[in-house]
Amino acid sequence: MKRTDFIDGLRDGIPVGLASAPFGALFGALARDQGMSLGELTLMSGTVYAGASQMVGLDLFGHNVQAWLIVLSILAVNFRHVLYSAAIARYIRHFSPVEKFFTFFLLVDPQFAAAVKRGEEGKRVTFIWYLGFALVIYVPWVIASLIGGLLGSLIGDPRSIGLDILLPIYFLGIVIGFRSRDNFLPVVAASAIGSAIAFRYVGSPWHVSLGALAGVLLAALLPPVKANRKPDLVHENHEV
């Protein structure tokens, strides 16, 4: 069973690993241009392990921004992970403290979506499955960062060959996968509008967390969709 779960995790995570690797390489190239050594950029990918946060941090490093502002900006980008960890808590109660440590360290957007979807389908979220899914993303990310640092400017602008569209498409697929949830459309609309307004008047990277908070607040205010009352329908048909 453990071996099967691990293989399932690897198989489920392969598309994510392939989609994220080019951005790991892009980070490596940009970090190298900013003067980071191969060891430093590889260590950053291995310890921070958050693409958006690494890009934000790299940009702020290059502008000689104060350390506390860098930390605060990265916190703004990754604040959604606080919500992620709370949402998957019910599926990982059986994990040991050590397993939970690695679970939250390896928690990224597609990892969260896959864990929640697996749990909602009634499948057990085992640590070995979670680890298999995570490793096939984490290891290529770190290796791609190193390769990007080695190749440097040879990678060029990912927009010129369409690489920048891979992750947005994947994340859109993640969102669509939750379309059967209660109040899906209004919550997604609130998040999108809130993020757009925050980007216009507050700026990046705060729009990520503010958009998420807008969706969370609306979801908390809206009542759940009532399920169809099949027994009543049967009773009415019987009376007719």
Foldseek 3Di string as FASTA:
>chain_A
DLVVLLVLLQVVQQLVQVLCLLLLLVLLLLLVVLPDDLVVQLVCCQQVVDSVLSVQLSVCVSVVDDPVVSVVQSCLLCVCLVVLCVLLCVQCVVPDPVLVVVLSRLDDDVLSLVSNVCVVVVHRDDSSNSVSNSCSRSVSSSVSSSVSNVCHCVSPDCVVVPSVVRVVVVVVVSLVVCVPFFPSVVLLVQLVVQLVVCCVPPNPPNSNNRSNVRSVVVVVVDDGDDDDDVVVVVVVVVVD
